[in-house]
Structures are given as C-alpha cells and as structure tokens.
Amino acid sequence: MKRFLFNLFNSESRYRILVQNFSYLSSIQIINVLLPLVVYPYLIKTLGTTFYGLVIFSQAVINYFVIFVGFGFNISATKQISIYRDQPSKLDEIVSSVLIIKSLLFIFALFLLLLLINVIPHAKDYKLLFFLSMWACIYDVVFPVWYFQGVEKMKFITLITLVSRFVFFVLVFLFIISPIDYILFPLINGFASLLGGGIALWIIFFYYKRRFIFQPFRVLKFYFMDSIPIFISNISSSLYVSTNKVIVGSFLTLGDVAYYDIAEKITTVLKIPQSILGQTLFPKMNKDRDISFIKKIFKLTLIFHAILLLFLFVSSKYVILLLGGEQMLPAFWVVNLMSLMVPITAMSNVFGIQILIAFDYSKKFSKIILNSGLAYFILVSLIFCFSSFNLYNITVVSLLTEIFVAFSMYFSCRKLNLW
C-alpha cells in the first residue's frame, strides 16, 4: 500500500494526470460546496427558515427537470469523449449532438413546468420563484463539464467555477438584505452560473476549436439512446434525493425543509472526496479497466470515510451551531443519520460507475438503480399508511435505499467476475 501511494503521487508516474485532475476537481468541489456553506448563515439570518425553506423547496422541485435535461450525459457523453478524444471530427459530432439534445429537452421541460405550475405545492403562489429557479436547467445545457472530464482537462473548469462562484458570493451580500429579497436568490445564482457556462462554451469552440454542426436525426437518436440507461438510473437515484425535500415541504413545514437542507449540506461536504475521486477515475477506468487499481483505491476510501464519520459524530452539534445557530439544532439527529450514507454511496460509486458502467454493463447498473427507486417508494408508502411522516423516518428510508443499492452493485460485480 505504501508503494502504491508513493507511485500515485510521484510526479514522474503514469498517474500524474490522474493526480492533477483530482487536485482540480478538489478545488471545484471545495468552491461549490464550501462557498454556499459560508453564505448559509447569512441567508438563514436574513431570509429566515420559512423563506429559505421555500427557496430550497423550489430548487428541489426544479431538480426533477434538471435530471430530465441532463439525461445522463454527464456519464455517457464523458465516456464517448474519452474514447474519441483524438478524433476532432468525432468530437465535433458528440459536442454538437449533446448540445442540441439538451436544448430540446430544456424547451420541453419549460413547457412541462408551465403545465404543472398550478399543481405543485407552494408553486401557485410563488410562480416567479419557480420559473427563475429554472436557471439550473439552462446551466446544465450550457456548461459542458462532460467535455472537460472526457479529455481530462479539469483546469479550465476549476478557473471558471472560481469566477462564477465569486460573483455569486459578492452579489448575495450586496443584494439580499431582507426576507422579501428571497426572489433575488435564484436570479443571482442563475447569473453567476450562466456566466460560467458562457466562458466554458467559449473555451470549447474557440480554444479547442470545436465546431457546432447540426446533426442528422439518426446521429441524434444514437446519442439519445446511448444515454437512456444512465438517464433511467439517474431518475431512480436522484428522484428520491429530491423527493425527500418535496415530501418534507408538502407534508411537514418549510422550516423542516431548512432543517433537512442543512443536514444534506453537511453530508455533501463529507461526500466531496469520493465525488472528486469518482469523476477523476471514470475516464481512466473507461480506458484501462484496471480492477487491481480500483481495489487499492477502494480500500483507501473506506478507511478515510470511517475517519470522517467518527469526526462528524463528535462534532455535528457544533457544526450545526456554527452554520445556523440554535434555531437549526432540530437537524442534529438528521445530520447523524444522513452521514451514514457517505461510505455506502462511496461503495456504490466504485461498484456501479467505475466497474459496471466502465465494463459496459450500463443496463445492469440501470436495473439496480431502477429497483432501488421502486424500493424507496414502497418504503415511503408504508410510512404513509402505517405511520406519520417526519424528518427522521424519511431519512431512514433514504439510508435503507442506499444500502440496497450498494449491496446490489457489489453482488452484481461478484456475479460477473469483476471483483
């Protein structure tokens, strides 16, 4: 293990690009996760738990549309780019096709929101907030993170993210000064994010000299169909993450949404290392399919996450007080329950993304995720029929669902002789 670590971080090793990309992705994740945490205490104090909960609830609803617009291209397009990175004409085809498909999906998503706006809880009285929150869908269209991941050039994304998040940070403190300014939050977030997306597109088309070419229907159909298994898995895995907030906002209070949100934010910080590692490893695993390498990484991540969990159990109360004050202490047990998902989702990423998808078992991966979504909704239905919704039992349902996913992925890898 010591030799492996030495080789991994040796500047002359074959893992040099891998380590560089890990460093860049680390910077991105730190900026994306920690900066909102810095802003969080100010927003809670300025907007209050109710209006802040409303903003978070609107984002949770719009996240359904983000999943639809993303359509799994974060994985499928990354895979295609990594395979054809040395063929300029093929790269033009992939970039053009993904941008066209995502744009069409966004138009359809906007139309769906127009139809559903009067039936979504809390949306009828806050229509403008929900429409402004659609910035997240536009951002998914114009920010081609899948391209930079595929060519393993993460330096650009790091710089772009730094610029856009800095703009967001400054504008929040300049313009959000009272509860009625809640409507400005999606505007500020959207402006900063679209600024980053515009810079990213400029780099692709002017620095990398990619060409946008309208593609025939058969080409668009190929990339659309190629991404369907990933899209299905994203629906199942992401739906229950967003659905928790929607359920809390619909059956409990907007204050409870704020409690759930702070627990999720803290847990997301703990997931940063695995998220970075997963994004860094995927292009390499897709090319090399080196099981022995991923096994060594897997052992390291398990040890690391065990230390993280121990740290959070000891300090969670103080972290909550630091971020939100005493008014957010009801989130204490939710934070501790949710943190148990961190090592479990890390296992799922290794067995699912890094192995099953990299070895072309996307359908198997999608089937597992689809079954997990079904298991989640069965458990939620049981709670609805035999108990009452609260922050704790809905969190336990998510934890059980993640355990189901991890073990299903593991046993599938064993059955296919991939582990």
Foldseek 3Di string as FASTA:
>chain_A
DVVVVCLCPPCPHPNNLLVVLLVLLLLLLCLVQVLVLVCQQVCCVFQNLALVLVLLLLLLVLVLLLLQLLLQCLALLLLQCLVCVVPQVSNLLSLQLSLVSSVVSLVVSVVVCVVCQVPQPPSVVVVLSNVLSNLSSVLSNLAPVSNCLSNSNSNLVSVLSVQLSVQLSVVCVVQRRHNVCSSCNSVSNSVSSVSSSVVNVCCVCPVVVRDNDDDDPVSSVVSSVSSNLSSLLCCLLSVLVSVLSSCCVVAPNSSQSSLLVVLVSVLSVLQSSLVSSLSSCLSVCLPPVDLVVLVVVLVVVVVVLVVVLVVCVVCVQVSQCVRHNPSNNVSRVVNNLLNVLRNLVSLLSCLQRSHCVSVPVSNLSSVQSNVLSVQLVVQVVCCVVPHGDDSPSSSVSSSVSSNSSNVSSVVVCVVVVSD
